[in-house]
Amino acid sequence: MKKYLVLFCHCLFLFSCSQNKNNGNATAVNDTTKTPATTENTSFIPVTSILQSELNKLDSVQVTILQITTVNNKQDSAWLPADKVKPKLEGFLFPVIDDKTMAALFKETTFNDEGTEAVTFMYDPKTTLPDSMTLRRWDVYFDPNRNKIRRVYMVKQVKENNILATQQFTWQTGKWAKIVTINNDKNAVNPVINEIKWIWDLSE
């Protein structure tokens, strides 16, 4: 709880700063809803800690988890217990995302979207990334009305069988997670798109 409190205070502080800037300049209100504002903050949202907590919550899920696999628009599904799903989601936890490990390589930009009533924290490289860094960028979507993280989105570049692939990781807190792998084999006519989605909240 202490970690979440620090996180939410951080998010609300940045959101409040964005609002105060809007109120102090009436002519810029419309622009701030469309243009990201770069911050100098280096206390990044501890994404890995949040996702680890979300992963641990799967132990208390009372239903089997629906796994949907889609390969180039061909879909298959299966029901799996949480203990079979958790190892498949561990890719969300690496590399570790926090201010200690990422502040030297990435910069934070905030975007207040009044249409969706969310604040987006975007993290992009501020320098050339080392070859060993698979993580390319990530976004965190914060809901100030509910005081919680709504979604985490990450992009990685990895090699599978010596073929460069792009992976897109999405975690909708309390509901589902998804990994999309785009195989960029130069010898293939079209890229192979493999999507695996795990749903534990079937209310939507």
Protein backbone atom coordinates (compact mmCIF):
# COMPACT_ATOMS: atom_id res chain seq x y z
CA MET A 1 0.00 0.00 0.00
CA LYS A 2 2.87 2.37 0.80
CA LYS A 3 4.31 1.89 -2.68
CA TYR A 4 0.92 2.61 -4.27
CA LEU A 5 0.48 5.71 -2.11
CA VAL A 6 3.82 7.11 -3.26
CA LEU A 7 2.92 6.27 -6.86
CA PHE A 8 -0.47 7.94 -6.73
CA CYS A 9 0.92 11.02 -5.02
CA HIS A 10 3.49 11.25 -7.80
CA CYS A 11 0.82 10.91 -10.48
CA LEU A 12 -1.56 13.35 -8.84
CA PHE A 13 1.24 15.90 -8.37
CA LEU A 14 2.03 15.84 -12.07
CA PHE A 15 -1.65 15.95 -12.96
CA SER A 16 -2.14 18.92 -10.63
CA CYS A 17 0.81 20.73 -12.22
CA SER A 18 -0.73 20.18 -15.64
CA GLN A 19 -4.07 21.57 -14.46
CA ASN A 20 -2.47 24.59 -12.82
CA LYS A 21 -0.66 25.45 -16.03
CA ASN A 22 -3.95 25.28 -17.89
CA ASN A 23 -5.71 27.51 -15.39
CA GLY A 24 -2.92 30.08 -15.53
CA ASN A 25 -3.09 30.43 -19.30
CA ALA A 26 -6.62 30.34 -20.68
CA THR A 27 -5.46 30.57 -24.28
CA ALA A 28 -3.44 27.36 -23.94
CA VAL A 29 -6.15 25.11 -22.53
CA ASN A 30 -6.99 23.44 -25.83
CA ASP A 31 -3.34 22.93 -26.72
CA THR A 32 -2.49 21.11 -23.49
CA THR A 33 -5.11 18.47 -24.21
CA LYS A 34 -3.39 17.65 -27.48
CA THR A 35 0.31 18.30 -26.94
CA PRO A 36 2.41 16.25 -24.48
CA ALA A 37 4.30 18.24 -21.89
CA THR A 38 7.84 17.05 -21.16
CA THR A 39 8.70 16.92 -17.47
CA GLU A 40 12.10 16.88 -15.81
CA ASN A 41 10.97 14.36 -13.23
CA THR A 42 13.30 11.38 -12.74
CA SER A 43 11.18 9.54 -10.18
CA PHE A 44 9.62 7.16 -12.66
CA ILE A 45 6.48 5.19 -11.93
CA PRO A 46 7.64 1.78 -10.59
CA VAL A 47 6.03 -0.25 -13.37
CA THR A 48 7.67 -3.55 -12.48
CA SER A 49 6.51 -3.39 -8.85
CA ILE A 50 2.96 -2.64 -9.99
CA LEU A 51 2.91 -5.53 -12.47
CA GLN A 52 4.45 -7.89 -9.93
CA SER A 53 1.62 -7.02 -7.56
CA GLU A 54 -0.92 -7.60 -10.34
CA LEU A 55 0.71 -10.94 -11.12
CA ASN A 56 0.52 -11.99 -7.48
CA LYS A 57 -3.20 -11.21 -7.43
CA LEU A 58 -3.80 -13.98 -9.96
CA ASP A 59 -3.28 -16.47 -7.11
CA SER A 60 -6.60 -15.34 -5.67
CA VAL A 61 -8.51 -15.54 -8.95
CA GLN A 62 -11.41 -17.92 -8.43
CA VAL A 63 -11.98 -18.70 -12.12
CA THR A 64 -9.88 -20.31 -14.79
CA ILE A 65 -8.23 -17.85 -17.14
CA LEU A 66 -9.23 -17.64 -20.79
CA GLN A 67 -6.26 -17.77 -23.15
CA ILE A 68 -6.90 -16.61 -26.72
CA THR A 69 -4.18 -17.21 -29.29
CA THR A 70 -4.38 -15.49 -32.66
CA VAL A 71 -1.86 -16.14 -35.42
CA ASN A 72 -2.45 -14.14 -38.60
CA ASN A 73 -6.19 -13.89 -37.85
CA LYS A 74 -6.55 -17.60 -37.00
CA GLN A 75 -7.83 -17.91 -33.45
CA ASP A 76 -7.73 -20.64 -30.84
CA SER A 77 -8.73 -20.57 -27.18
CA ALA A 78 -8.20 -22.57 -24.02
CA TRP A 79 -8.99 -22.35 -20.31
CA LEU A 80 -5.98 -22.41 -17.99
CA PRO A 81 -5.46 -22.27 -14.22
CA ALA A 82 -3.58 -19.27 -12.86
CA ASP A 83 -0.45 -21.27 -12.04
CA LYS A 84 -0.10 -22.14 -15.72
CA VAL A 85 -0.61 -18.56 -16.85
CA LYS A 86 1.72 -16.74 -14.47
CA PRO A 87 4.98 -18.03 -16.04
CA LYS A 88 3.73 -16.83 -19.44
CA LEU A 89 3.39 -13.29 -18.06
CA GLU A 90 6.83 -13.00 -16.50
CA GLY A 91 8.10 -11.22 -19.63
CA PHE A 92 6.26 -8.16 -18.30
CA LEU A 93 8.71 -8.01 -15.39
CA PHE A 94 11.96 -7.76 -17.33
CA PRO A 95 13.87 -5.56 -17.61
CA VAL A 96 13.07 -3.89 -14.32
CA ILE A 97 11.41 -0.50 -14.83
CA ASP A 98 12.05 2.05 -12.09
CA ASP A 99 13.90 5.32 -11.71
CA LYS A 100 17.14 3.63 -10.64
CA THR A 101 17.47 1.51 -13.77
CA MET A 102 15.83 3.64 -16.45
CA ALA A 103 16.24 7.35 -15.64
CA ALA A 104 19.62 7.52 -17.40
CA LEU A 105 18.21 6.10 -20.64
CA PHE A 106 14.61 7.30 -20.88
CA LYS A 107 12.71 10.57 -20.50
CA GLU A 108 9.20 11.03 -19.19
CA THR A 109 6.49 12.97 -21.02
CA THR A 110 2.97 13.49 -19.68
CA PHE A 111 -0.23 13.89 -21.64
CA ASN A 112 -3.55 14.91 -20.12
CA ASP A 113 -6.36 13.52 -22.27
CA GLU A 114 -9.57 15.19 -21.12
CA GLY A 115 -11.58 13.11 -23.57
CA THR A 116 -10.76 9.83 -21.81
CA GLU A 117 -10.21 11.46 -18.41
CA ALA A 118 -6.77 9.89 -18.14
CA VAL A 119 -3.19 11.02 -17.74
CA THR A 120 -0.65 9.20 -19.91
CA PHE A 121 2.97 8.95 -18.82
CA MET A 122 5.12 8.21 -21.88
CA TYR A 123 8.71 7.02 -21.63
CA ASP A 124 10.96 7.29 -24.70
CA PRO A 125 14.73 6.97 -25.17
CA LYS A 126 16.70 10.14 -24.51
CA THR A 127 19.89 8.57 -25.83
CA THR A 128 21.00 5.66 -27.99
CA LEU A 129 20.01 2.48 -26.21
CA PRO A 130 22.60 -0.25 -25.67
CA ASP A 131 22.22 -3.40 -27.75
CA SER A 132 21.45 -5.37 -24.62
CA MET A 133 18.36 -3.24 -23.88
CA THR A 134 15.34 -4.99 -25.37
CA LEU A 135 12.87 -2.42 -24.02
CA ARG A 136 12.28 0.38 -26.54
CA ARG A 137 9.57 2.46 -24.84
CA TRP A 138 6.55 2.22 -22.52
CA ASP A 139 3.39 4.09 -21.50
CA VAL A 140 1.45 4.18 -18.25
CA TYR A 141 -2.22 5.25 -18.24
CA PHE A 142 -3.38 6.75 -14.95
CA ASP A 143 -7.01 7.38 -14.00
CA PRO A 144 -7.05 10.38 -11.60
CA ASN A 145 -10.76 9.99 -10.88
CA ARG A 146 -10.30 6.45 -9.59
CA ASN A 147 -6.78 7.10 -8.30
CA LYS A 148 -5.33 4.03 -9.99
CA ILE A 149 -3.21 2.82 -12.87
CA ARG A 150 -5.48 1.78 -15.72
CA ARG A 151 -3.06 0.24 -18.18
CA VAL A 152 0.63 -0.39 -18.91
CA TYR A 153 1.94 -0.72 -22.48
CA MET A 154 5.51 -1.70 -23.44
CA VAL A 155 7.39 -2.24 -26.69
CA LYS A 156 10.42 -4.51 -26.94
CA GLN A 157 12.69 -5.66 -29.73
CA VAL A 158 13.95 -9.20 -29.38
CA LYS A 159 15.50 -11.93 -31.49
CA GLU A 160 13.75 -15.25 -31.94
CA ASN A 161 15.72 -17.87 -33.88
CA ASN A 162 18.02 -15.05 -35.07
CA ILE A 163 15.04 -13.18 -36.51
CA LEU A 164 14.28 -9.68 -35.24
CA ALA A 165 10.83 -9.39 -33.69
CA THR A 166 8.83 -6.58 -32.13
CA GLN A 167 6.83 -7.39 -29.02
CA GLN A 168 3.99 -5.28 -27.67
CA PHE A 169 3.01 -5.92 -24.06
CA THR A 170 -0.30 -4.59 -22.70
CA TRP A 171 -1.60 -5.09 -19.15
CA GLN A 172 -5.09 -3.86 -18.28
CA THR A 173 -5.00 -3.85 -14.49
CA GLY A 174 -7.41 -6.24 -12.85
CA LYS A 175 -8.73 -7.51 -16.18
CA TRP A 176 -6.37 -8.95 -18.80
CA ALA A 177 -2.90 -9.02 -20.33
CA LYS A 178 -1.76 -9.38 -23.93
CA ILE A 179 1.49 -9.99 -25.80
CA VAL A 180 1.68 -9.33 -29.53
CA THR A 181 4.78 -10.57 -31.36
CA ILE A 182 5.49 -9.29 -34.88
CA ASN A 183 8.06 -11.42 -36.66
CA ASN A 184 10.03 -9.25 -39.07
CA ASP A 185 11.60 -11.99 -41.16
CA LYS A 186 12.94 -10.22 -44.27
CA ASN A 187 12.40 -13.38 -46.32
CA ALA A 188 8.70 -13.53 -45.54
CA VAL A 189 6.15 -11.88 -47.82
CA ASN A 190 4.17 -10.62 -44.82
CA PRO A 191 5.17 -10.42 -41.15
CA VAL A 192 3.85 -13.13 -38.84
CA ILE A 193 1.69 -11.61 -36.11
CA ASN A 194 1.20 -13.79 -33.04
CA GLU A 195 -1.12 -12.49 -30.32
CA ILE A 196 -1.78 -14.18 -26.99
CA LYS A 197 -4.33 -12.66 -24.61
CA TRP A 198 -5.16 -13.85 -21.11
CA ILE A 199 -8.48 -12.70 -19.63
CA TRP A 200 -9.38 -13.22 -15.95
CA ASP A 201 -12.18 -10.65 -15.74
CA LEU A 202 -14.89 -11.77 -18.13
CA SER A 203 -17.35 -9.04 -17.16
CA GLU A 204 -16.46 -6.95 -20.24
